[in-house]
């Protein structure tokens, strides 16, 4: 049974940085597809970033390209998301989600109802960007 938990969110001014972490139990990073997602108030959940299990390539959705960096530490089974040059529109609850059947990058390009309902999700961590 996969269990995930995110941490590292907070309140930051525009242009600031945060580093989010995702860890848990019941999985290993090299044996599951896992990615970062976010949901802003009143908006649908969207994909942010993931790392392909096939070749290790990192993928990012357009709004965060060049500002966010995804990485992982297999020794601690932790997935990270470095958020730089934060903008007010980055305000959202950030989630990590894992599923063996949802490969990267398709899992972040379209957040399907199947992914929402059947993947393992953490409770999320709030990121608020405000002056």
Foldseek 3Di string as FASTA:
>chain_A
DWAKAKDWADEAAQQAKIKMKMATDDDFPLQWWKAKWWDDPPGDIAGAWTAFSVPRDIDGDVVQPPAKDWDADRVRRMIMIMGGRDDQVVWTWMKMWIDRPQGPPNCRHDVDVCRVVPIHMHPTDTHGYHD
